[in-house]
Protein backbone atom coordinates (compact mmCIF):
# COMPACT_ATOMS: atom_id res chain seq x y z
CA MET A 1 -13.79 -0.79 -50.50
CA SER A 2 -10.83 0.60 -48.80
CA GLN A 3 -9.17 3.78 -49.66
CA PRO A 4 -5.38 3.57 -50.94
CA LEU A 5 -2.87 4.75 -48.43
CA PRO A 6 -1.28 8.22 -49.10
CA GLN A 7 2.04 8.14 -51.06
CA SER A 8 3.67 10.66 -48.97
CA ASN A 9 3.68 12.01 -45.33
CA ASP A 10 2.37 15.31 -47.21
CA ASP A 11 -1.19 13.79 -47.07
CA TRP A 12 -1.12 13.50 -43.42
CA THR A 13 -0.48 17.25 -42.57
CA ASP A 14 -4.14 17.85 -41.47
CA ALA A 15 -3.61 15.17 -38.63
CA PRO A 16 -3.48 16.83 -34.94
CA ALA A 17 -0.16 16.85 -33.35
CA PRO A 18 0.08 13.99 -30.74
CA ALA A 19 -0.54 15.47 -27.21
CA ARG A 20 2.51 16.17 -25.01
CA VAL A 21 2.58 13.59 -22.26
CA ARG A 22 3.26 15.09 -18.83
CA PRO A 23 2.67 12.05 -16.37
CA PHE A 24 3.50 14.17 -13.20
CA GLU A 25 1.65 17.07 -13.95
CA GLY A 26 -0.71 18.20 -10.94
CA GLN A 27 0.83 15.56 -8.90
CA LEU A 28 2.69 17.54 -6.31
CA ARG A 29 0.06 17.19 -3.56
CA PRO A 30 -0.26 13.42 -3.82
CA VAL A 31 3.63 12.89 -4.03
CA VAL A 32 3.95 15.01 -0.79
CA ALA A 33 1.15 13.17 0.77
CA VAL A 34 2.82 9.76 0.07
CA ALA A 35 6.15 11.14 1.06
CA VAL A 36 5.14 12.53 4.55
CA GLY A 37 3.04 9.48 5.14
CA GLY A 38 5.97 7.28 4.12
CA ALA A 39 8.29 8.97 6.69
CA LEU A 40 5.90 8.64 9.47
CA GLY A 41 5.25 5.03 8.71
CA ALA A 42 9.05 4.18 8.69
CA LEU A 43 9.41 5.93 11.81
CA ALA A 44 6.63 4.13 13.36
CA ARG A 45 8.11 0.76 12.11
CA TRP A 46 11.60 1.77 13.66
CA GLY A 47 9.96 2.41 16.84
CA VAL A 48 8.39 -1.03 16.67
CA GLY A 49 11.73 -2.52 15.72
CA ILE A 50 13.23 -0.88 18.97
CA VAL A 51 10.40 -2.30 21.21
CA LEU A 52 10.43 -5.60 19.70
CA PRO A 53 14.02 -6.23 18.77
CA THR A 54 14.68 -9.83 17.04
CA PRO A 55 17.12 -11.89 18.95
CA ARG A 56 19.91 -13.47 16.75
CA GLY A 57 18.43 -16.59 15.38
CA GLY A 58 14.95 -15.92 16.93
CA PHE A 59 11.58 -15.42 15.56
CA PRO A 60 11.26 -11.81 14.05
CA LEU A 61 8.18 -10.87 16.23
CA GLY A 62 8.65 -7.11 15.57
CA THR A 63 8.63 -7.46 11.58
CA PHE A 64 5.84 -10.06 11.74
CA ALA A 65 3.38 -7.76 13.90
CA ILE A 66 4.27 -4.69 11.85
CA ASN A 67 3.22 -6.62 8.67
CA VAL A 68 0.18 -8.32 10.07
CA VAL A 69 -1.00 -5.05 11.73
CA GLY A 70 -0.24 -3.12 8.53
CA CYS A 71 -2.40 -5.52 6.46
CA LEU A 72 -5.23 -5.38 8.92
CA LEU A 73 -5.20 -1.53 8.47
CA ILE A 74 -5.01 -1.55 4.96
CA GLY A 75 -7.87 -3.92 4.61
CA ALA A 76 -10.10 -1.72 6.95
CA LEU A 77 -8.98 1.40 5.44
CA ILE A 78 -9.63 0.59 1.69
CA VAL A 79 -13.15 -0.76 2.65
CA ALA A 80 -13.70 2.48 4.76
CA ILE A 81 -12.72 5.11 2.01
CA THR A 82 -14.04 3.00 -0.98
CA GLU A 83 -17.39 1.80 0.46
CA LEU A 84 -18.25 3.57 3.63
CA VAL A 85 -17.00 7.31 3.95
CA ASP A 86 -16.53 9.95 1.59
CA THR A 87 -12.75 11.35 2.33
CA HIS A 88 -10.45 14.02 1.14
CA PRO A 89 -8.70 12.70 -1.97
CA LEU A 90 -5.34 12.76 -0.28
CA VAL A 91 -6.44 10.37 2.43
CA ARG A 92 -5.71 7.18 0.30
CA PRO A 93 -2.11 8.21 -0.91
CA PHE A 94 -1.11 9.67 2.52
CA VAL A 95 -2.35 6.67 4.77
CA ALA A 96 -2.28 3.64 2.33
CA SER A 97 0.63 4.12 -0.01
CA GLY A 98 2.47 6.59 2.46
CA PHE A 99 2.13 5.61 6.11
CA LEU A 100 1.30 2.01 5.52
CA GLY A 101 3.77 1.55 2.76
CA GLY A 102 6.52 2.86 4.86
CA PHE A 103 5.18 0.88 7.79
CA THR A 104 4.84 -2.51 6.48
CA THR A 105 8.06 -4.02 5.16
CA PHE A 106 8.56 -6.83 2.79
CA SER A 107 12.32 -6.18 2.54
CA ALA A 108 13.04 -6.60 6.19
CA TYR A 109 10.82 -9.80 6.09
CA SER A 110 12.75 -11.00 3.24
CA ILE A 111 16.21 -10.20 4.94
CA ASP A 112 14.94 -11.72 8.18
CA ILE A 113 14.33 -15.17 6.20
CA GLU A 114 17.82 -14.85 4.62
CA LEU A 115 19.61 -14.32 7.88
CA LEU A 116 17.60 -16.98 9.60
CA LEU A 117 18.79 -19.34 6.78
CA ILE A 118 22.30 -18.45 6.70
CA GLY A 119 22.19 -18.92 10.59
CA GLY A 120 21.01 -22.41 10.09
CA HIS A 121 17.51 -21.85 11.48
CA VAL A 122 15.72 -23.32 8.61
CA GLY A 123 12.79 -24.38 10.92
CA ILE A 124 12.25 -20.74 11.94
CA ALA A 125 12.76 -19.23 8.55
CA LEU A 126 10.25 -21.63 7.01
CA GLY A 127 7.87 -20.92 9.92
CA TYR A 128 8.17 -17.41 9.64
CA LEU A 129 7.72 -17.16 6.12
CA ALA A 130 4.44 -19.23 6.24
CA ALA A 131 3.09 -17.57 9.25
CA THR A 132 3.58 -14.06 7.75
CA LEU A 133 1.98 -15.06 4.58
CA ALA A 134 -1.07 -16.65 6.18
CA ALA A 135 -1.17 -14.08 9.11
CA ALA A 136 -1.06 -11.11 6.42
CA LEU A 137 -3.69 -12.50 4.09
CA LEU A 138 -6.12 -13.42 7.12
CA ALA A 139 -5.47 -9.87 8.74
CA THR A 140 -6.21 -8.07 5.40
CA TRP A 141 -9.46 -10.14 5.11
CA ALA A 142 -10.39 -9.39 8.84
CA GLY A 143 -9.78 -5.82 8.37
CA MET A 144 -11.98 -5.70 5.35
CA VAL A 145 -14.74 -7.83 7.11
CA LEU A 146 -14.56 -5.52 10.38
CA ALA A 147 -14.78 -2.36 8.40
CA ARG A 148 -17.92 -3.69 6.59
CA ALA A 149 -19.50 -4.79 9.90
CA MET A 150 -18.89 -1.34 11.50
CA GLY A 151 -20.04 0.15 8.18
CA SER A 152 -23.34 -1.73 8.32
CA SER A 153 -24.46 -0.41 11.61
CA GLY A 154 -24.81 3.01 9.68
CA SER A 155 -26.69 4.05 6.73
CA GLY A 156 -24.55 3.85 3.81
CA ARG A 157 -21.58 6.40 2.98
CA VAL A 158 -21.09 8.65 5.65
CA GLY A 159 -19.75 12.25 5.53
CA SER A 160 -18.66 14.63 2.82
CA GLY A 161 -15.02 15.07 3.40
CA ARG A 162 -14.28 15.73 -0.18
CA VAL A 163 -12.75 19.12 -0.79
CA ALA A 164 -13.09 21.30 -3.90
CA ARG A 165 -9.82 21.54 -5.45
């Protein structure tokens, strides 16, 4: 048999107070790691854009290369730091979210497609859209496979890069 519900809030006074939620408490180091990595990744992307500029109405090779290389690296990195090597806890936020998040660019990819469509270059726009998606997925998979292949020559997890806090 169930017990009757209390008639007033006075009957609930023994309940503990809810814990105060502090979502960013203790997050300064990861936030700084992501910010510094992101700034460096964005600078690297800018550099690639200077070396591989997109001609008006042409295939955006620089953005394409950035996104494909970034996906290859993220595939390899995630396998490396989750399956193969013990790393410092800030490696993943610095490299994955920070550097590679700042390096790769979905927004420029979208703008490139829009500009090609506005300019009447529908074929190039659709080819770029499909090629980037296919190449990025393939590159991520290849990075994962390559990292596992390189790791299988070793003897399991390597190193002890973990640093006590």
